[in-house]
N, C-alpha and C. Protein backbone atom coordinates (compact mmCIF):
# COMPACT_ATOMS: atom_id res chain seq x y z
N MET A 1 -13.06 -24.60 8.48
CA MET A 1 -13.77 -23.41 7.75
C MET A 1 -13.13 -23.66 6.21
N ASP A 2 -13.29 -22.66 5.03
CA ASP A 2 -13.14 -22.96 4.05
C ASP A 2 -12.37 -21.56 3.60
N LEU A 3 -11.01 -21.73 3.49
CA LEU A 3 -9.93 -20.74 3.21
C LEU A 3 -9.60 -20.20 1.27
N SER A 4 -10.39 -21.14 0.51
CA SER A 4 -9.98 -21.63 -0.41
C SER A 4 -9.69 -20.19 -1.43
N ALA A 5 -10.19 -19.20 -0.77
CA ALA A 5 -10.81 -17.79 -1.25
C ALA A 5 -9.86 -16.83 -1.06
N VAL A 6 -9.32 -17.11 0.30
CA VAL A 6 -7.83 -16.34 0.22
C VAL A 6 -7.29 -17.04 0.13
N GLN A 7 -7.15 -18.36 -0.29
CA GLN A 7 -5.44 -19.26 -1.46
C GLN A 7 -5.22 -17.96 -2.41
N ALA A 8 -6.34 -18.43 -2.96
CA ALA A 8 -6.70 -18.10 -4.47
C ALA A 8 -6.15 -16.70 -4.80
N SER A 9 -6.30 -15.51 -3.70
CA SER A 9 -6.21 -14.28 -3.98
C SER A 9 -5.03 -14.48 -3.36
N LEU A 10 -4.38 -14.73 -3.28
CA LEU A 10 -2.88 -14.76 -2.85
C LEU A 10 -2.31 -15.45 -4.35
N SER A 11 -2.62 -16.75 -5.01
CA SER A 11 -1.81 -17.25 -5.24
C SER A 11 -2.27 -16.74 -7.09
N ASP A 12 -3.10 -15.72 -7.10
CA ASP A 12 -3.33 -14.74 -7.94
C ASP A 12 -2.89 -13.32 -8.35
N LYS A 13 -2.45 -13.25 -6.70
CA LYS A 13 -1.91 -12.20 -6.56
C LYS A 13 -2.43 -10.41 -6.35
N SER A 14 -4.17 -11.12 -6.17
CA SER A 14 -4.55 -10.17 -6.01
C SER A 14 -5.21 -9.17 -4.11
N TYR A 15 -3.72 -8.72 -4.07
CA TYR A 15 -4.14 -8.82 -3.14
C TYR A 15 -4.76 -7.37 -1.95
N SER A 16 -4.99 -6.79 -3.12
CA SER A 16 -6.17 -5.31 -2.49
C SER A 16 -7.22 -6.40 -2.36
N SER A 17 -7.78 -7.07 -3.04
CA SER A 17 -9.43 -7.98 -2.01
C SER A 17 -9.61 -8.62 -1.27
N LEU A 18 -7.52 -8.99 -0.96
CA LEU A 18 -7.64 -10.06 0.54
C LEU A 18 -8.26 -8.75 2.04
N ALA A 19 -8.30 -7.64 2.11
CA ALA A 19 -8.70 -7.45 2.88
C ALA A 19 -9.76 -7.43 3.21
N PRO A 20 -11.10 -7.04 2.19
CA PRO A 20 -12.19 -7.32 2.80
C PRO A 20 -12.72 -8.55 2.98
N LEU A 21 -12.27 -9.86 2.29
CA LEU A 21 -12.88 -10.91 1.30
C LEU A 21 -12.40 -11.43 3.00
N CYS A 22 -11.08 -11.48 3.93
CA CYS A 22 -10.30 -11.43 4.76
C CYS A 22 -11.63 -11.68 6.14
N ASP A 23 -11.80 -9.67 6.08
CA ASP A 23 -12.99 -9.02 7.07
C ASP A 23 -14.16 -10.24 6.61
N GLU A 24 -14.86 -9.86 5.39
CA GLU A 24 -16.29 -11.34 5.65
C GLU A 24 -16.68 -12.65 5.67
N LEU A 25 -14.84 -13.15 5.71
CA LEU A 25 -14.89 -14.80 5.78
C LEU A 25 -15.09 -15.13 7.35
N LEU A 26 -14.41 -13.76 8.35
CA LEU A 26 -14.19 -13.62 9.76
C LEU A 26 -15.52 -13.64 10.15
N LEU A 27 -16.22 -12.58 9.81
CA LEU A 27 -17.58 -12.39 10.39
C LEU A 27 -18.35 -12.95 10.05
N GLN A 28 -18.74 -14.05 9.28
CA GLN A 28 -18.86 -15.18 9.30
C GLN A 28 -18.63 -16.15 9.96
N ALA A 29 -17.47 -16.78 9.92
CA ALA A 29 -17.02 -17.39 11.38
C ALA A 29 -17.45 -17.65 12.77
N ALA A 30 -17.36 -16.02 12.99
CA ALA A 30 -17.64 -15.43 14.32
C ALA A 30 -19.30 -15.22 14.42
N SER A 31 -20.08 -15.48 13.13
CA SER A 31 -21.92 -15.41 13.75
C SER A 31 -22.43 -16.89 13.57
N ARG A 32 -21.39 -17.75 12.92
CA ARG A 32 -21.68 -19.32 12.93
C ARG A 32 -20.90 -19.86 14.23
N GLY A 33 -20.55 -19.22 15.15
CA GLY A 33 -19.36 -20.01 16.26
C GLY A 33 -18.42 -20.62 15.89
N THR A 34 -17.55 -20.77 14.40
CA THR A 34 -16.72 -21.80 14.15
C THR A 34 -15.59 -21.43 14.58
N THR A 35 -14.51 -22.05 15.07
CA THR A 35 -13.88 -21.66 15.81
C THR A 35 -11.97 -21.38 14.10
N THR A 36 -11.45 -20.31 14.38
CA THR A 36 -10.09 -19.42 13.85
C THR A 36 -9.08 -19.64 13.83
N ASP A 37 -9.01 -21.32 14.77
CA ASP A 37 -7.70 -21.54 15.00
C ASP A 37 -6.82 -21.33 13.56
N GLU A 38 -6.85 -22.10 12.60
CA GLU A 38 -6.29 -21.92 11.01
C GLU A 38 -6.60 -20.35 10.61
N TRP A 39 -7.13 -20.01 11.55
CA TRP A 39 -6.76 -18.86 10.67
C TRP A 39 -6.41 -17.64 9.81
N PRO A 40 -5.87 -17.06 8.70
CA PRO A 40 -4.72 -16.44 8.78
C PRO A 40 -4.32 -15.71 9.62
N TYR A 41 -3.96 -15.20 10.22
CA TYR A 41 -4.10 -13.82 10.68
C TYR A 41 -2.70 -13.17 10.22
N ALA A 42 -1.57 -13.72 10.10
CA ALA A 42 -0.77 -12.59 9.42
C ALA A 42 -1.48 -11.79 7.89
N VAL A 43 -1.88 -12.94 7.12
CA VAL A 43 -2.16 -12.50 5.76
C VAL A 43 -3.45 -10.95 5.99
N HIS A 44 -4.05 -11.32 6.72
CA HIS A 44 -5.83 -10.90 7.57
C HIS A 44 -4.82 -9.51 7.52
N LEU A 45 -4.00 -9.27 9.03
CA LEU A 45 -3.24 -8.00 8.99
C LEU A 45 -2.05 -7.54 7.99
N LEU A 46 -1.53 -8.42 7.38
CA LEU A 46 -1.14 -7.57 6.03
C LEU A 46 -1.59 -7.08 4.39
N ALA A 47 -2.79 -7.38 4.55
CA ALA A 47 -3.90 -7.19 4.25
C ALA A 47 -4.21 -5.15 4.38
N HIS A 48 -4.66 -5.00 5.60
CA HIS A 48 -5.01 -4.24 6.01
C HIS A 48 -4.07 -3.31 5.05
N LEU A 49 -2.47 -3.85 5.47
CA LEU A 49 -1.66 -2.66 5.88
C LEU A 49 -0.90 -2.51 4.25
N TYR A 50 -1.77 -3.00 3.16
CA TYR A 50 -1.40 -2.76 1.70
C TYR A 50 -2.04 -2.45 1.23
N LEU A 51 -3.46 -2.31 1.81
CA LEU A 51 -4.21 -1.09 1.04
C LEU A 51 -4.16 0.14 2.13
N ASN A 52 -3.06 0.28 3.45
CA ASN A 52 -2.78 1.30 3.70
C ASN A 52 -3.92 1.78 4.97
N ASP A 53 -4.63 0.69 5.19
CA ASP A 53 -5.76 0.79 6.01
C ASP A 53 -5.30 0.90 7.93
N LEU A 54 -4.13 1.49 8.05
CA LEU A 54 -4.14 1.28 9.61
C LEU A 54 -4.76 1.33 11.08
N ASN A 55 -6.10 2.27 10.32
CA ASN A 55 -7.05 2.24 11.94
C ASN A 55 -7.25 0.77 11.58
N SER A 56 -7.75 -0.30 10.33
CA SER A 56 -8.16 -1.10 10.62
C SER A 56 -7.14 -2.42 10.94
N ALA A 57 -5.96 -2.10 11.03
CA ALA A 57 -5.19 -3.00 11.00
C ALA A 57 -4.84 -3.09 12.48
N ARG A 58 -4.74 -1.75 12.91
CA ARG A 58 -5.11 -1.52 14.57
C ARG A 58 -6.14 -1.72 15.02
N PHE A 59 -6.81 -2.00 14.71
CA PHE A 59 -7.95 -2.45 15.32
C PHE A 59 -8.46 -3.96 15.30
N PHE A 60 -8.07 -4.39 14.01
CA PHE A 60 -7.81 -6.07 14.16
C PHE A 60 -6.64 -7.25 15.06
N TRP A 61 -5.34 -6.14 14.82
CA TRP A 61 -4.13 -6.32 15.85
C TRP A 61 -4.57 -6.34 17.79
N LYS A 62 -5.60 -5.60 18.50
CA LYS A 62 -6.03 -5.20 19.32
C LYS A 62 -7.27 -6.11 19.50
N SER A 63 -8.48 -6.82 18.52
CA SER A 63 -8.96 -7.93 18.81
C SER A 63 -8.66 -8.74 18.78
N LEU A 64 -6.80 -9.04 18.83
CA LEU A 64 -6.74 -10.65 18.53
C LEU A 64 -6.28 -10.80 20.68
N PRO A 65 -6.83 -12.01 20.51
CA PRO A 65 -6.15 -12.57 21.86
C PRO A 65 -4.70 -12.87 21.93
N GLN A 66 -4.45 -12.51 23.20
CA GLN A 66 -3.26 -12.42 23.21
C GLN A 66 -2.13 -14.15 23.12
N GLU A 67 -2.67 -15.05 22.98
CA GLU A 67 -1.87 -16.68 22.85
C GLU A 67 -2.30 -16.39 21.40
N VAL A 68 -2.66 -15.84 20.10
CA VAL A 68 -3.23 -15.36 19.03
C VAL A 68 -1.20 -14.79 18.58
N LYS A 69 -1.33 -13.74 19.18
CA LYS A 69 -0.37 -13.27 18.70
C LYS A 69 1.27 -13.16 19.56
N GLY A 70 0.64 -14.19 20.38
CA GLY A 70 2.43 -14.84 21.15
C GLY A 70 3.20 -15.82 20.52
N ALA A 71 1.72 -16.87 19.92
CA ALA A 71 2.21 -17.99 19.14
C ALA A 71 2.28 -17.75 17.52
N ARG A 72 2.34 -16.68 16.81
CA ARG A 72 2.65 -16.98 15.52
C ARG A 72 3.97 -15.80 15.65
N PRO A 73 5.12 -16.27 14.95
CA PRO A 73 5.86 -14.75 14.83
C PRO A 73 5.80 -13.71 13.84
N GLU A 74 4.99 -14.76 12.65
CA GLU A 74 4.88 -14.21 11.87
C GLU A 74 4.18 -12.62 11.25
N LEU A 75 3.01 -12.91 12.54
CA LEU A 75 2.13 -12.07 12.49
C LEU A 75 2.71 -11.18 13.35
N ALA A 76 3.32 -11.21 14.12
CA ALA A 76 3.75 -10.47 15.69
C ALA A 76 4.98 -9.37 14.27
N ALA A 77 5.48 -10.44 13.13
CA ALA A 77 6.74 -9.48 12.75
C ALA A 77 5.81 -8.39 11.79
N ILE A 78 4.75 -9.29 11.05
CA ILE A 78 3.81 -8.35 10.73
C ILE A 78 3.37 -6.45 11.16
N TRP A 79 3.03 -7.03 12.78
CA TRP A 79 2.61 -5.70 13.43
C TRP A 79 3.85 -4.65 13.33
N ARG A 80 5.02 -5.37 13.43
CA ARG A 80 6.10 -4.81 13.71
C ARG A 80 6.18 -3.57 12.49
N ILE A 81 5.86 -4.53 11.67
CA ILE A 81 5.69 -3.21 9.95
C ILE A 81 4.52 -1.89 10.18
N GLY A 82 3.15 -3.26 11.38
CA GLY A 82 2.12 -1.86 11.31
C GLY A 82 2.87 -1.29 12.35
N GLN A 83 3.85 -1.13 13.16
CA GLN A 83 4.41 0.11 14.30
C GLN A 83 4.74 1.29 13.86
N CYS A 84 5.34 0.60 12.63
CA CYS A 84 6.34 1.45 11.95
C CYS A 84 6.38 2.52 11.41
N LEU A 85 4.47 1.97 10.50
CA LEU A 85 3.61 2.31 10.03
C LEU A 85 2.64 3.69 10.34
N TRP A 86 2.47 3.54 11.51
CA TRP A 86 1.54 4.22 12.51
C TRP A 86 2.73 5.67 12.94
N ASN A 87 4.02 5.17 13.38
CA ASN A 87 4.70 5.80 13.50
C ASN A 87 5.28 6.73 12.56
N ARG A 88 4.89 6.74 11.64
CA ARG A 88 6.28 7.56 10.45
C ARG A 88 7.38 7.14 10.47
N ASP A 89 7.80 5.41 10.89
CA ASP A 89 9.46 5.00 10.47
C ASP A 89 9.43 5.10 9.73
N TYR A 90 9.59 5.56 8.50
CA TYR A 90 10.01 4.82 7.02
C TYR A 90 11.04 3.71 6.87
N ALA A 91 11.82 4.44 7.06
CA ALA A 91 13.01 3.33 6.92
C ALA A 91 12.82 2.19 7.78
N GLY A 92 11.99 2.12 9.00
CA GLY A 92 12.33 0.76 10.21
C GLY A 92 11.00 0.11 9.65
N VAL A 93 9.89 0.82 8.47
CA VAL A 93 9.08 -0.83 7.57
C VAL A 93 10.22 -0.82 7.09
N TYR A 94 11.49 -0.69 6.04
CA TYR A 94 11.99 -1.51 5.35
C TYR A 94 12.59 -2.75 6.29
N THR A 95 13.07 -2.51 7.38
CA THR A 95 14.06 -2.95 8.19
C THR A 95 12.92 -3.90 9.07
N ALA A 96 11.84 -3.67 9.21
CA ALA A 96 11.27 -4.35 10.11
C ALA A 96 10.91 -5.62 8.72
N ALA A 97 10.06 -5.34 7.29
CA ALA A 97 10.02 -6.37 6.67
C ALA A 97 10.87 -6.75 5.96
N GLN A 98 12.09 -6.48 5.93
CA GLN A 98 13.51 -7.05 5.54
C GLN A 98 14.65 -7.89 6.57
N GLY A 99 14.03 -8.13 8.17
CA GLY A 99 14.62 -8.50 8.81
C GLY A 99 13.65 -9.61 9.57
N PHE A 100 13.01 -10.49 8.93
CA PHE A 100 12.44 -11.85 8.77
C PHE A 100 12.40 -12.93 7.87
N GLU A 101 12.53 -13.45 8.27
CA GLU A 101 12.59 -14.76 7.62
C GLU A 101 10.38 -15.41 7.07
N TRP A 102 10.75 -14.82 5.71
CA TRP A 102 9.17 -14.55 5.68
C TRP A 102 9.29 -16.53 4.97
N GLY A 103 7.72 -16.89 5.39
CA GLY A 103 7.26 -18.62 4.96
C GLY A 103 6.96 -18.05 3.63
N PRO A 104 6.88 -19.26 2.73
CA PRO A 104 6.84 -19.18 1.22
C PRO A 104 5.31 -18.82 0.88
N ASP A 105 4.56 -19.18 1.86
CA ASP A 105 3.29 -18.56 1.42
C ASP A 105 2.53 -17.02 1.90
N ILE A 106 3.68 -16.24 2.35
CA ILE A 106 3.19 -14.93 2.32
C ILE A 106 4.32 -13.78 2.17
N ALA A 107 6.06 -14.64 1.61
CA ALA A 107 7.07 -14.27 1.34
C ALA A 107 6.80 -12.46 -0.21
N ASP A 108 5.78 -14.08 -1.47
CA ASP A 108 5.41 -12.72 -2.30
C ASP A 108 4.58 -11.58 -2.08
N PHE A 109 3.86 -11.21 -0.89
CA PHE A 109 3.36 -10.70 -0.64
C PHE A 109 3.65 -9.39 0.35
N ILE A 110 4.58 -9.82 0.71
CA ILE A 110 5.81 -8.87 1.42
C ILE A 110 6.29 -7.68 0.54
N ALA A 111 6.26 -8.70 -0.30
CA ALA A 111 7.49 -8.43 -1.83
C ALA A 111 6.44 -6.72 -2.47
N ALA A 112 5.24 -7.79 -2.20
CA ALA A 112 4.27 -6.50 -3.40
C ALA A 112 3.91 -5.64 -2.25
N PHE A 113 4.30 -5.74 -0.57
CA PHE A 113 3.38 -4.73 -0.08
C PHE A 113 4.45 -3.29 0.02
N LEU A 114 6.08 -4.07 -0.60
CA LEU A 114 6.75 -3.26 0.01
C LEU A 114 7.00 -1.80 -1.84
N GLU A 115 7.29 -3.02 -2.60
CA GLU A 115 7.19 -2.03 -4.36
C GLU A 115 5.51 -1.05 -4.08
N SER A 116 4.02 -1.70 -3.63
CA SER A 116 2.85 -0.87 -3.02
C SER A 116 3.59 0.86 -2.08
N TYR A 117 4.05 -0.04 -1.18
CA TYR A 117 4.53 1.55 0.11
C TYR A 117 5.70 2.28 -0.57
N ARG A 118 6.59 1.58 -1.54
CA ARG A 118 7.87 2.21 -2.06
C ARG A 118 6.72 3.44 -3.04
N GLN A 119 5.77 3.04 -3.80
CA GLN A 119 5.38 4.08 -4.79
C GLN A 119 4.88 5.28 -4.00
N ARG A 120 4.31 4.68 -3.11
CA ARG A 120 3.50 5.62 -2.33
C ARG A 120 3.78 6.81 -1.76
N ILE A 121 5.29 5.74 -1.29
CA ILE A 121 6.88 7.49 -0.57
C ILE A 121 6.86 8.06 -1.62
N PHE A 122 7.87 7.15 -2.89
CA PHE A 122 8.34 8.34 -4.00
C PHE A 122 7.01 9.30 -4.22
N GLN A 123 5.65 8.50 -4.36
CA GLN A 123 4.67 10.24 -4.97
C GLN A 123 4.00 10.54 -4.00
N LEU A 124 4.66 10.99 -2.99
CA LEU A 124 4.79 11.40 -1.39
C LEU A 124 5.44 12.61 -1.32
N LEU A 125 6.90 11.99 -1.47
CA LEU A 125 8.16 12.73 -1.46
C LEU A 125 8.30 13.42 -3.11
N THR A 126 7.12 13.43 -4.46
CA THR A 126 7.01 14.03 -5.44
C THR A 126 6.13 15.66 -5.31
N SER A 127 5.15 14.88 -4.35
CA SER A 127 4.28 16.29 -4.14
C SER A 127 5.28 17.39 -3.29
N ALA A 128 5.23 16.66 -2.27
CA ALA A 128 6.22 17.24 -0.72
C ALA A 128 7.00 18.03 -1.02
N TYR A 129 8.17 17.63 -2.50
CA TYR A 129 10.08 18.26 -2.56
C TYR A 129 10.07 18.97 -4.05
N SER A 130 10.60 20.03 -4.32
CA SER A 130 10.70 20.09 -5.75
C SER A 130 12.60 20.01 -5.81
N THR A 131 13.22 19.71 -4.58
CA THR A 131 14.77 19.24 -4.73
C THR A 131 14.53 18.08 -3.23
N ILE A 132 15.57 17.32 -3.27
CA ILE A 132 15.69 16.58 -2.08
C ILE A 132 17.59 16.29 -2.49
N THR A 133 17.85 15.29 -1.62
CA THR A 133 19.47 15.13 -0.88
C THR A 133 19.31 13.53 -0.98
N VAL A 134 20.47 13.31 -2.09
CA VAL A 134 19.94 12.02 -2.37
C VAL A 134 19.83 10.91 -1.29
N ALA A 135 20.25 11.02 0.09
CA ALA A 135 20.65 10.83 1.18
C ALA A 135 19.23 10.62 1.61
N ASP A 136 18.72 11.62 1.57
CA ASP A 136 16.95 11.58 2.36
C ASP A 136 16.11 10.39 1.24
N VAL A 137 16.16 10.73 -0.02
CA VAL A 137 15.45 9.57 -0.92
C VAL A 137 15.63 8.48 -0.51
N ALA A 138 16.83 8.04 -0.41
CA ALA A 138 17.45 6.46 0.15
C ALA A 138 16.81 6.83 1.69
N HIS A 139 17.29 6.92 2.43
CA HIS A 139 16.13 6.82 4.05
C HIS A 139 14.47 6.70 3.60
N PHE A 140 13.67 7.32 2.73
CA PHE A 140 12.49 7.00 2.78
C PHE A 140 12.04 6.56 1.60
N MET A 141 12.99 5.96 0.79
CA MET A 141 12.61 4.34 -0.12
C MET A 141 12.97 3.31 0.54
N GLY A 142 14.32 3.39 1.81
CA GLY A 142 14.56 1.86 1.92
C GLY A 142 15.53 1.26 1.11
N MET A 143 16.39 1.86 0.91
CA MET A 143 17.13 2.04 -0.83
C MET A 143 18.81 2.28 -0.28
N SER A 144 19.52 1.62 -0.58
CA SER A 144 20.75 2.26 -0.90
C SER A 144 21.01 3.84 -1.30
N GLU A 145 21.89 4.97 -1.50
CA GLU A 145 21.91 5.47 -2.18
C GLU A 145 21.86 5.87 -3.91
N GLU A 146 22.58 4.93 -4.16
CA GLU A 146 22.68 4.36 -6.35
C GLU A 146 21.21 3.60 -5.94
N ASP A 147 20.61 3.09 -5.35
CA ASP A 147 19.35 2.82 -6.22
C ASP A 147 18.26 3.45 -5.94
N SER A 148 18.60 4.00 -4.94
CA SER A 148 17.53 5.36 -4.91
C SER A 148 17.31 6.68 -5.34
N THR A 149 19.01 6.47 -6.29
CA THR A 149 19.55 7.18 -7.53
C THR A 149 18.54 6.99 -8.74
N ASN A 150 18.54 5.63 -9.11
CA ASN A 150 17.75 5.28 -10.33
C ASN A 150 17.00 4.99 -9.86
N TYR A 151 16.18 4.89 -9.57
CA TYR A 151 14.44 4.47 -8.87
C TYR A 151 14.50 6.19 -9.25
N ALA A 152 14.38 7.00 -8.59
CA ALA A 152 14.33 8.45 -9.51
C ALA A 152 14.78 8.98 -10.39
N VAL A 153 15.74 8.86 -11.33
CA VAL A 153 16.14 9.45 -12.58
C VAL A 153 15.50 8.33 -13.07
N GLN A 154 15.13 7.25 -12.83
CA GLN A 154 14.09 6.44 -14.10
C GLN A 154 12.65 6.82 -14.31
N ASN A 155 12.20 7.58 -13.21
CA ASN A 155 10.99 8.09 -13.06
C ASN A 155 10.99 9.40 -13.55
N GLY A 156 12.45 10.18 -14.42
CA GLY A 156 12.13 11.60 -14.74
C GLY A 156 12.73 12.28 -13.72
N TRP A 157 13.23 12.03 -12.73
CA TRP A 157 13.93 13.31 -12.11
C TRP A 157 15.51 13.82 -12.57
N SER A 158 15.83 14.53 -12.05
CA SER A 158 17.70 14.83 -12.45
C SER A 158 18.17 15.10 -11.26
N LEU A 159 19.64 14.98 -11.61
CA LEU A 159 20.68 14.48 -10.39
C LEU A 159 21.64 15.25 -10.66
N ASP A 160 22.13 16.62 -9.97
CA ASP A 160 23.37 17.23 -9.87
C ASP A 160 23.84 16.31 -9.01
N ALA A 161 24.98 15.91 -9.68
CA ALA A 161 26.04 14.58 -9.12
C ALA A 161 27.01 15.68 -8.25
N GLY A 162 27.30 17.28 -8.59
CA GLY A 162 28.68 17.41 -7.57
C GLY A 162 27.28 17.59 -5.87
N THR A 163 26.72 18.14 -6.08
CA THR A 163 25.79 18.59 -4.90
C THR A 163 24.90 17.05 -3.73
N LYS A 164 24.55 16.32 -4.86
CA LYS A 164 24.62 14.82 -4.91
C LYS A 164 22.91 15.74 -4.12
N MET A 165 21.42 16.08 -4.92
CA MET A 165 20.62 16.81 -4.89
C MET A 165 19.90 16.00 -6.36
N LEU A 166 18.59 16.06 -5.67
CA LEU A 166 17.25 15.49 -7.11
C LEU A 166 16.71 16.58 -7.14
N THR A 167 16.22 16.48 -8.50
CA THR A 167 15.09 17.78 -8.56
C THR A 167 14.45 17.33 -8.83
N VAL A 168 13.26 17.31 -8.88
CA VAL A 168 11.67 16.47 -8.61
C VAL A 168 11.38 15.93 -9.94
N LYS A 169 10.71 16.01 -10.42
CA LYS A 169 9.86 16.19 -12.07
C LYS A 169 8.35 15.83 -11.15
N LYS A 170 7.41 17.55 -11.32
CA LYS A 170 6.19 16.75 -10.93
C LYS A 170 5.73 16.61 -11.81
N PRO A 171 4.84 16.15 -11.47
CA PRO A 171 3.59 15.25 -12.66
C PRO A 171 2.76 16.11 -13.57
N LYS A 172 2.38 16.31 -14.86
CA LYS A 172 1.92 18.22 -15.47
C LYS A 172 0.56 17.63 -14.95
N ALA A 173 -0.02 18.58 -14.42
CA ALA A 173 -1.68 19.54 -13.86
C ALA A 173 -2.53 18.89 -15.42
N GLN A 174 -3.28 17.77 -14.86
CA GLN A 174 -4.09 18.35 -16.56
C GLN A 174 -5.10 18.95 -15.98
N THR A 175 -5.21 19.56 -17.27
CA THR A 175 -6.35 21.02 -17.85
C THR A 175 -7.99 19.76 -17.91
N ASN A 176 -8.47 20.39 -17.42
CA ASN A 176 -10.15 20.52 -17.71
C ASN A 176 -10.84 21.87 -18.90
N GLN A 177 -10.87 20.84 -20.62
CA GLN A 177 -11.55 21.59 -21.59
C GLN A 177 -12.80 21.80 -21.28
N LYS A 178 -12.50 23.59 -21.61
CA LYS A 178 -14.07 24.32 -21.78
C LYS A 178 -14.78 24.02 -22.41
N LEU A 179 -15.46 24.23 -21.94
CA LEU A 179 -16.73 24.05 -22.83
C LEU A 179 -17.63 25.07 -23.65
N ASP A 180 -16.98 25.27 -24.96
CA ASP A 180 -17.47 27.24 -24.85
C ASP A 180 -18.87 27.24 -25.17
N ALA A 181 -19.39 28.35 -25.12
CA ALA A 181 -21.19 28.99 -25.08
C ALA A 181 -21.50 27.73 -26.54
N SER A 182 -21.57 28.28 -27.72
CA SER A 182 -22.13 27.60 -28.80
C SER A 182 -21.79 26.32 -28.74
N LYS A 183 -21.22 25.57 -28.09
CA LYS A 183 -21.17 23.67 -27.45
C LYS A 183 -22.63 23.41 -26.62
N LEU A 184 -22.84 24.14 -26.20
CA LEU A 184 -23.16 24.30 -25.10
C LEU A 184 -24.41 24.59 -25.44
N GLN A 185 -24.62 25.20 -26.01
CA GLN A 185 -26.24 25.69 -27.03
C GLN A 185 -26.64 24.24 -27.83
N ARG A 186 -26.08 24.34 -28.15
CA ARG A 186 -25.92 22.66 -29.76
C ARG A 186 -26.52 22.04 -28.15
N LEU A 187 -25.83 21.47 -27.87
CA LEU A 187 -26.61 20.54 -26.35
C LEU A 187 -27.64 21.08 -25.74
N THR A 188 -28.01 21.48 -25.35
CA THR A 188 -29.23 21.66 -24.35
C THR A 188 -29.72 22.17 -25.84
N GLU A 189 -30.02 22.89 -27.17
CA GLU A 189 -30.93 21.58 -28.14
C GLU A 189 -31.28 20.88 -28.59
N CYS A 190 -30.33 19.70 -28.48
CA CYS A 190 -30.36 18.35 -28.78
C CYS A 190 -30.79 18.34 -27.64
N VAL A 191 -30.90 18.09 -26.80
CA VAL A 191 -31.63 17.32 -25.04
C VAL A 191 -32.99 18.43 -25.04
N PHE A 192 -33.55 18.69 -25.24
CA PHE A 192 -34.42 19.86 -26.10
C PHE A 192 -35.54 19.18 -26.52
N HIS A 193 -34.26 18.71 -27.84
CA HIS A 193 -35.35 18.03 -29.13
C HIS A 193 -35.96 16.64 -28.37
N LEU A 194 -35.34 15.77 -27.73
CA LEU A 194 -35.43 14.63 -27.67
C LEU A 194 -36.10 14.38 -26.09
N GLU A 195 -36.78 15.52 -25.81
CA GLU A 195 -37.33 15.48 -24.32
C GLU A 195 -38.56 15.52 -25.13
N HIS A 196 -38.85 16.52 -25.90
CA HIS A 196 -40.21 16.93 -26.69
C HIS A 196 -40.40 16.29 -28.28
């Protein structure tokens, strides 16, 4: 089985392309009756988690034979991350990811997943809160209180050191430019002339 495209995506850190690539290659292998003993199951599962596609990750996990699940500790460790994501155990995601000795071929992918996840959580906090405690941000972000405060402040939030509360900086809403009637009239005339 040729997994060079998967290896190339890992080497290039093209992580967002891995899930569709792995899905396609696995389907091709199944249609040919090729054995999948060397299949990068851990990479495939993590690729779905990286895209925040929990349904595909669950389906993939459920489709795996029990002997594959039991024989690959790295795969089981990634599934623990998936379970935490599914159960919205924010701190558990970081604990599961940092509590395993990842192999060199997947360690960078795990680090990229955690950074992507941390950014998604930060965006959710930004949209959900106007103020939030430092302790809560640390919990959601899987960081120490000091690191989470620094992260938030670097992203424009402000800290009230006395109350240990962070004030969220909301992104500026994009305004749509309105087209005035005279511009619309000129555009209509131009189109009319082009058609005739």
